[in-house]
Amino acid sequence: MLKRNISVCSIILAALCLALVFSSCGKKGNPVPIPVVKAGTINDLRGEVRDGVLFLSFTPPASLGRKEARTGEEEPRIASFKVVKGCGTCLADLQPLRTIVLNEKRGYTLAGNRLYFYDDDLMPGDSYAYRVYPVTERGTNGEASNAFVIKWEEPPGPPQGPLKIVEGDTRVELSWTKEEKYLYNIYRYDNGRYPVVPLNPRPISTELYMDAGLTNGRTYTYEVRKVSPAPLPLEGEGLKGTATPKDRTPPGAPMGVKAEKKGKAIVVTWQANAEKDLAGYNVYRIMGSQAVKLNNTPLKETTFLDTGAPDFRFIAYHVTAVDTERNESEPSQESIIQKE
């Protein structure tokens, strides 16, 4: 009986040892992978031939550095992007081209929701491939972007000039000589900042473009570039010109003009205009077919005393309104007075 009990105990002890071996000091189960650092994913890298060079762009990954709801851990932030380049058939062997450091704020520009940079070291007839890697503050690379591949061709030259510019009220009209088989893109430099996106949503086929909704008195620089339509449109360098739109719309003619005798003088009154850019009023004395302006500078008041009226039996007056750009309204309705 004792022998059987010892045998049973031996079996139990052996089982416990086996369990300890497999749980602590023996072979483990499948290893749990260390979480990969998340640095976002870029899947829309693309290129466009603009201004005679290759502009590449992509949508930066969404802002990181936020805490995950499940883990409570903060993800690392993106500090830069590593750009690699190689031949179009060598996607497995792309070499570093440049590193875009976000804090340095140079070597790239943001337009809309895309980050743009360019490459001008290209040879006609050669094919090139590009990828972008996001890099965290700790220097860890994220996943590679999609590949963009292009066979470089020489873009067209500038459009035929001259570039004609007509300045209007809050608008500018551009015109040039149209060439067959070409389309055109129009760019506007705002505060000297280089534009990477044209004003027109797609290349236009006409030789005229109007840019509206501008600020009067502000100087703008424009550039018109010729585009060769192809599977990948090729855009060359452009023609530049500056324009300063001006307010050319005069105020409305004053209303309620009335002339009355006041002793030996004549007083002229009228209703005030409501324009925000009003500079004042001009008063004219009319004798026969001749209108003589009586004030040297625009009047701020809505009344004028004419003390130098000649001894004519009938004298007429009209009033005009003037804005800050010196645009003068049409004459008001005349007010006639019989002096004698």
Protein backbone atom coordinates (compact mmCIF):
# COMPACT_ATOMS: atom_id res chain seq x y z
CA MET A 1 0.00 0.00 0.00
CA LEU A 2 2.82 2.32 0.92
CA LYS A 3 4.55 1.46 -2.33
CA ARG A 4 1.46 2.44 -4.34
CA ASN A 5 1.17 5.76 -2.51
CA ILE A 6 4.82 6.52 -3.22
CA SER A 7 4.24 5.72 -6.89
CA VAL A 8 1.23 8.06 -7.07
CA CYS A 9 3.17 10.82 -5.39
CA SER A 10 6.03 10.36 -7.86
CA ILE A 11 3.65 10.77 -10.76
CA ILE A 12 2.17 13.98 -9.27
CA LEU A 13 5.63 15.39 -8.57
CA ALA A 14 6.77 14.62 -12.09
CA ALA A 15 3.72 16.36 -13.55
CA LEU A 16 4.37 19.45 -11.43
CA CYS A 17 7.98 19.57 -12.57
CA LEU A 18 6.96 19.33 -16.19
CA ALA A 19 4.52 22.19 -15.71
CA LEU A 20 7.19 24.34 -14.12
CA VAL A 21 9.64 23.53 -16.87
CA PHE A 22 7.27 24.59 -19.64
CA SER A 23 6.01 27.63 -17.77
CA SER A 24 9.28 29.13 -16.61
CA CYS A 25 12.52 27.63 -17.73
CA GLY A 26 11.70 25.59 -20.78
CA LYS A 27 10.31 26.31 -24.26
CA LYS A 28 7.82 29.19 -24.39
CA GLY A 29 4.83 29.73 -26.65
CA ASN A 30 4.94 31.96 -29.75
CA PRO A 31 6.79 35.22 -28.84
CA VAL A 32 4.63 38.33 -28.48
CA PRO A 33 5.90 40.92 -31.04
CA ILE A 34 7.12 44.29 -29.74
CA PRO A 35 4.65 46.95 -30.95
CA VAL A 36 5.92 48.72 -34.09
CA VAL A 37 6.30 52.48 -33.70
CA LYS A 38 3.44 54.13 -35.52
CA ALA A 39 4.54 57.02 -37.74
CA GLY A 40 1.57 57.26 -40.05
CA THR A 41 1.12 56.02 -43.57
CA ILE A 42 1.68 57.92 -46.83
CA ASN A 43 -0.18 56.35 -49.73
CA ASP A 44 -0.78 59.26 -52.12
CA LEU A 45 2.71 60.36 -53.19
CA ARG A 46 2.45 61.91 -56.67
CA GLY A 47 4.39 64.15 -59.00
CA GLU A 48 3.52 67.06 -61.30
CA VAL A 49 5.73 68.85 -63.82
CA ARG A 50 5.37 72.55 -63.00
CA ASP A 51 7.54 75.56 -63.78
CA GLY A 52 9.92 73.26 -65.65
CA VAL A 53 10.75 71.06 -62.63
CA LEU A 54 9.22 68.03 -60.92
CA PHE A 55 7.06 68.87 -57.90
CA LEU A 56 6.26 65.92 -55.63
CA SER A 57 3.56 66.07 -53.00
CA PHE A 58 1.72 63.95 -50.48
CA THR A 59 -0.79 64.29 -47.67
CA PRO A 60 1.10 64.26 -44.36
CA PRO A 61 -0.18 61.68 -41.86
CA ALA A 62 -2.71 62.92 -39.34
CA SER A 63 -1.28 64.73 -36.32
CA LEU A 64 0.19 62.23 -33.89
CA GLY A 65 1.28 62.56 -30.28
CA ARG A 66 -2.18 61.77 -29.01
CA LYS A 67 -2.92 59.16 -26.36
CA GLU A 68 -4.46 55.90 -27.40
CA ALA A 69 -7.73 55.24 -25.61
CA ARG A 70 -6.93 51.58 -24.97
CA THR A 71 -3.28 51.78 -23.90
CA GLY A 72 -3.06 55.29 -22.50
CA GLU A 73 0.36 55.60 -24.16
CA GLU A 74 1.35 58.54 -26.30
CA GLU A 75 2.37 57.87 -29.89
CA PRO A 76 5.58 59.50 -31.12
CA ARG A 77 5.32 62.62 -33.24
CA ILE A 78 6.59 62.95 -36.80
CA ALA A 79 9.64 65.21 -36.98
CA SER A 80 10.73 64.78 -40.60
CA PHE A 81 10.29 62.92 -43.86
CA LYS A 82 13.06 61.00 -45.61
CA VAL A 83 12.85 61.11 -49.41
CA VAL A 84 14.59 58.41 -51.45
CA LYS A 85 15.17 58.36 -55.21
CA GLY A 86 16.47 55.95 -57.81
CA CYS A 87 15.96 54.69 -61.33
CA GLY A 88 12.44 53.82 -62.36
CA THR A 89 13.20 50.08 -62.47
CA CYS A 90 15.22 49.98 -59.23
CA LEU A 91 12.49 50.28 -56.59
CA ALA A 92 14.41 47.95 -54.28
CA ASP A 93 17.53 50.14 -54.35
CA LEU A 94 16.40 53.74 -53.85
CA GLN A 95 18.98 56.08 -52.33
CA PRO A 96 18.49 59.06 -49.96
CA LEU A 97 17.65 62.28 -51.80
CA ARG A 98 16.85 64.67 -48.97
CA THR A 99 15.36 64.92 -45.50
CA ILE A 100 12.51 67.35 -44.95
CA VAL A 101 12.73 68.61 -41.36
CA LEU A 102 9.40 70.11 -40.37
CA ASN A 103 10.79 72.47 -37.69
CA GLU A 104 13.23 74.05 -40.16
CA LYS A 105 10.35 75.26 -42.38
CA ARG A 106 12.47 75.23 -45.54
CA GLY A 107 12.80 72.92 -48.50
CA TYR A 108 9.05 72.39 -48.64
CA THR A 109 5.76 74.24 -48.71
CA LEU A 110 2.23 73.42 -47.64
CA ALA A 111 -0.73 74.08 -49.92
CA GLY A 112 -4.19 72.90 -49.04
CA ASN A 113 -3.69 69.62 -47.22
CA ARG A 114 -0.56 68.58 -49.12
CA LEU A 115 3.18 68.97 -48.58
CA TYR A 116 5.17 69.92 -51.71
CA PHE A 117 8.88 69.71 -52.55
CA TYR A 118 10.72 69.59 -55.86
CA ASP A 119 13.54 67.85 -57.73
CA ASP A 120 15.29 69.64 -60.59
CA ASP A 121 18.15 67.15 -61.11
CA LEU A 122 16.57 65.19 -63.97
CA MET A 123 17.74 64.14 -67.43
CA PRO A 124 15.40 63.81 -70.46
CA GLY A 125 14.71 60.19 -71.37
CA ASP A 126 15.62 58.79 -67.92
CA SER A 127 13.10 57.22 -65.55
CA TYR A 128 13.03 58.04 -61.85
CA ALA A 129 11.29 56.56 -58.82
CA TYR A 130 10.55 58.12 -55.43
CA ARG A 131 9.33 57.03 -52.02
CA VAL A 132 8.86 58.92 -48.73
CA TYR A 133 9.34 57.66 -45.17
CA PRO A 134 7.92 59.50 -42.15
CA VAL A 135 10.48 59.74 -39.32
CA THR A 136 9.58 60.20 -35.65
CA GLU A 137 11.26 62.48 -33.12
CA ARG A 138 13.17 59.42 -31.90
CA GLY A 139 14.54 58.80 -35.38
CA THR A 140 12.40 55.76 -36.15
CA ASN A 141 11.32 55.31 -39.76
CA GLY A 142 7.70 54.64 -40.54
CA GLU A 143 6.49 52.57 -43.46
CA ALA A 144 7.50 53.52 -47.00
CA SER A 145 5.01 55.42 -49.10
CA ASN A 146 3.72 54.28 -52.43
CA ALA A 147 6.23 54.65 -55.26
CA PHE A 148 5.95 57.44 -57.81
CA VAL A 149 7.67 56.72 -61.12
CA ILE A 150 8.19 59.16 -64.01
CA LYS A 151 10.06 59.20 -67.31
CA TRP A 152 11.42 62.72 -67.59
CA GLU A 153 10.67 64.71 -70.73
CA GLU A 154 11.64 68.28 -71.53
CA PRO A 155 8.71 70.62 -70.62
CA PRO A 156 7.58 73.36 -73.02
CA GLY A 157 9.02 76.88 -73.01
CA PRO A 158 7.25 80.08 -71.89
CA PRO A 159 4.07 81.27 -73.66
CA GLN A 160 4.35 83.74 -76.50
CA GLY A 161 4.30 87.26 -75.13
CA PRO A 162 3.73 89.90 -74.29
CA LEU A 163 1.58 89.32 -71.23
CA LYS A 164 -1.11 92.00 -71.32
CA ILE A 165 -2.66 93.13 -68.03
CA VAL A 166 -5.77 95.26 -67.51
CA GLU A 167 -6.41 96.51 -63.98
CA GLY A 168 -10.03 96.84 -62.91
CA ASP A 169 -12.10 97.33 -59.78
CA THR A 170 -11.12 94.39 -57.50
CA ARG A 171 -10.14 92.38 -60.59
CA VAL A 172 -7.33 91.85 -63.07
CA GLU A 173 -7.60 90.62 -66.67
CA LEU A 174 -4.66 88.74 -68.23
CA SER A 175 -4.24 87.97 -71.92
CA TRP A 176 -1.50 86.44 -74.07
CA THR A 177 -0.93 84.85 -77.49
CA LYS A 178 -2.47 81.40 -77.70
CA GLU A 179 -0.55 78.57 -79.36
CA GLU A 180 -2.16 75.49 -80.84
CA LYS A 181 -1.84 72.17 -78.95
CA TYR A 182 -1.10 73.92 -75.66
CA LEU A 183 -3.11 74.66 -72.54
CA TYR A 184 -2.30 77.22 -69.84
CA ASN A 185 -2.06 77.56 -66.05
CA ILE A 186 -2.23 80.88 -64.21
CA TYR A 187 -0.49 81.53 -60.90
CA ARG A 188 -0.65 84.41 -58.42
CA TYR A 189 2.11 85.21 -55.94
CA ASP A 190 0.61 86.28 -52.59
CA ASN A 191 3.00 88.31 -50.40
CA GLY A 192 5.90 86.96 -52.43
CA ARG A 193 5.12 83.35 -51.56
CA TYR A 194 5.81 80.89 -54.37
CA PRO A 195 2.54 79.37 -55.66
CA VAL A 196 2.50 75.62 -56.24
CA VAL A 197 -1.19 75.41 -57.13
CA PRO A 198 -2.64 77.38 -60.09
CA LEU A 199 -5.65 79.68 -59.78
CA ASN A 200 -7.52 77.67 -62.41
CA PRO A 201 -8.68 74.23 -61.23
CA ARG A 202 -7.59 72.66 -64.54
CA PRO A 203 -5.52 73.90 -67.52
CA ILE A 204 -7.47 76.31 -69.74
CA SER A 205 -7.54 76.47 -73.53
CA THR A 206 -8.27 80.20 -73.93
CA GLU A 207 -5.88 83.17 -74.07
CA LEU A 208 -7.76 85.22 -71.47
CA TYR A 209 -8.15 84.91 -67.70
CA MET A 210 -9.87 87.18 -65.16
CA ASP A 211 -8.94 87.11 -61.48
CA ALA A 212 -11.66 88.67 -59.34
CA GLY A 213 -12.30 89.34 -55.67
CA LEU A 214 -9.01 91.18 -55.18
CA THR A 215 -8.09 94.03 -52.83
CA ASN A 216 -7.89 97.43 -54.48
CA GLY A 217 -4.54 99.15 -54.08
CA ARG A 218 -2.64 95.91 -53.45
CA THR A 219 -0.01 94.83 -55.99
CA TYR A 220 -0.15 91.24 -57.26
CA THR A 221 2.35 89.28 -59.32
CA TYR A 222 1.00 86.86 -61.94
CA GLU A 223 2.60 84.15 -64.05
CA VAL A 224 1.11 82.38 -67.08
CA ARG A 225 2.66 79.00 -67.95
CA LYS A 226 2.24 76.84 -71.02
CA VAL A 227 1.12 73.23 -70.53
CA SER A 228 1.68 70.34 -72.93
CA PRO A 229 -1.30 68.01 -72.43
CA ALA A 230 -0.11 64.42 -72.10
CA PRO A 231 -0.81 61.43 -69.87
CA LEU A 232 1.22 63.47 -67.37
CA PRO A 233 0.84 67.18 -68.32
CA LEU A 234 4.15 69.01 -68.73
CA GLU A 235 4.27 72.64 -67.63
CA GLY A 236 7.17 74.95 -68.48
CA GLU A 237 8.37 78.29 -67.17
CA GLY A 238 6.05 81.26 -67.56
CA LEU A 239 5.53 84.92 -68.33
CA LYS A 240 5.32 87.26 -65.32
CA GLY A 241 3.65 90.60 -64.75
CA THR A 242 2.37 92.76 -61.89
CA ALA A 243 -1.00 94.44 -61.45
CA THR A 244 -2.61 96.75 -58.90
CA PRO A 245 -6.42 96.70 -59.10
CA LYS A 246 -8.05 100.05 -58.47
CA ASP A 247 -11.48 101.26 -57.48
CA ARG A 248 -12.99 102.67 -60.66
CA THR A 249 -16.61 102.75 -59.48
CA PRO A 250 -17.78 106.30 -58.69
CA PRO A 251 -20.28 107.10 -55.94
CA GLY A 252 -23.91 107.77 -56.70
CA ALA A 253 -24.98 111.30 -57.63
CA PRO A 254 -26.09 113.35 -54.61
CA MET A 255 -29.84 113.69 -54.10
CA GLY A 256 -32.03 116.56 -52.93
CA VAL A 257 -29.86 119.42 -54.23
CA LYS A 258 -31.45 122.77 -53.48
CA ALA A 259 -30.22 126.36 -54.06
CA GLU A 260 -31.68 129.31 -52.11
CA LYS A 261 -30.90 132.99 -51.82
CA LYS A 262 -29.38 134.14 -48.53
CA GLY A 263 -28.93 137.90 -48.66
CA LYS A 264 -26.54 138.61 -51.52
CA ALA A 265 -25.19 135.03 -51.43
CA ILE A 266 -26.67 131.72 -52.47
CA VAL A 267 -26.64 128.63 -50.21
CA VAL A 268 -26.64 125.17 -51.81
CA THR A 269 -27.67 122.11 -49.76
CA TRP A 270 -28.05 118.39 -50.51
CA GLN A 271 -28.52 115.00 -48.88
CA ALA A 272 -25.52 112.98 -47.67
CA ASN A 273 -24.31 109.97 -49.65
CA ALA A 274 -23.96 106.60 -47.90
CA GLU A 275 -20.81 105.21 -49.58
CA LYS A 276 -18.14 104.06 -47.10
CA ASP A 277 -15.27 105.31 -49.27
CA LEU A 278 -16.76 108.78 -49.76
CA ALA A 279 -14.18 111.57 -49.73
CA GLY A 280 -16.58 114.52 -50.14
CA TYR A 281 -18.50 116.64 -52.65
CA ASN A 282 -17.89 119.12 -55.46
CA VAL A 283 -20.26 122.04 -56.14
CA TYR A 284 -20.59 123.48 -59.63
CA ARG A 285 -22.13 126.78 -60.70
CA ILE A 286 -23.69 126.60 -64.16
CA MET A 287 -24.11 129.64 -66.37
CA GLY A 288 -25.19 128.91 -69.89
CA SER A 289 -23.30 125.81 -71.03
CA GLN A 290 -20.31 126.27 -68.70
CA ALA A 291 -20.00 124.51 -65.30
CA VAL A 292 -17.43 125.98 -62.90
CA LYS A 293 -16.28 124.05 -59.81
CA LEU A 294 -16.48 126.32 -56.77
CA ASN A 295 -14.42 124.34 -54.22
CA ASN A 296 -10.71 123.44 -54.38
CA THR A 297 -10.90 120.24 -52.30
CA PRO A 298 -13.87 117.90 -51.74
CA LEU A 299 -16.32 119.28 -49.20
CA LYS A 300 -17.06 117.20 -46.11
CA GLU A 301 -20.29 119.10 -45.34
CA THR A 302 -23.58 118.93 -47.22
CA THR A 303 -23.90 122.69 -47.61
CA PHE A 304 -22.03 125.38 -49.55
CA LEU A 305 -22.32 129.17 -49.50
CA ASP A 306 -21.68 130.86 -52.84
CA THR A 307 -20.76 134.47 -52.12
CA GLY A 308 -19.36 135.24 -55.55
CA ALA A 309 -22.36 134.60 -57.77
CA PRO A 310 -22.49 137.13 -60.61
CA ASP A 311 -25.53 139.28 -61.37
CA PHE A 312 -27.21 136.89 -63.75
CA ARG A 313 -30.93 136.56 -63.77
CA PHE A 314 -30.84 132.76 -63.60
CA ILE A 315 -28.07 130.63 -62.06
CA ALA A 316 -28.06 126.82 -61.73
CA TYR A 317 -26.06 124.52 -59.48
CA HIS A 318 -25.30 120.81 -59.42
CA VAL A 319 -23.28 118.68 -56.98
CA THR A 320 -21.10 115.59 -57.48
CA ALA A 321 -19.75 113.03 -54.97
CA VAL A 322 -16.08 111.97 -54.93
CA ASP A 323 -14.58 108.80 -53.37
CA THR A 324 -11.12 108.21 -51.90
CA GLU A 325 -9.81 107.04 -55.31
CA ARG A 326 -10.95 110.37 -56.84
CA ASN A 327 -13.74 108.73 -58.81
CA GLU A 328 -16.40 111.41 -59.36
CA SER A 329 -20.10 110.71 -59.68
CA GLU A 330 -22.45 111.92 -62.35
CA PRO A 331 -23.86 115.41 -61.70
CA SER A 332 -26.90 115.68 -59.50
CA GLN A 333 -30.12 117.14 -60.77
CA GLU A 334 -29.69 120.89 -61.29
CA SER A 335 -31.23 123.40 -58.95
CA ILE A 336 -32.05 126.71 -60.65
CA ILE A 337 -32.43 129.99 -58.82
CA GLN A 338 -33.65 133.36 -60.11
CA LYS A 339 -31.31 135.91 -58.59
CA GLU A 340 -33.10 139.07 -59.81
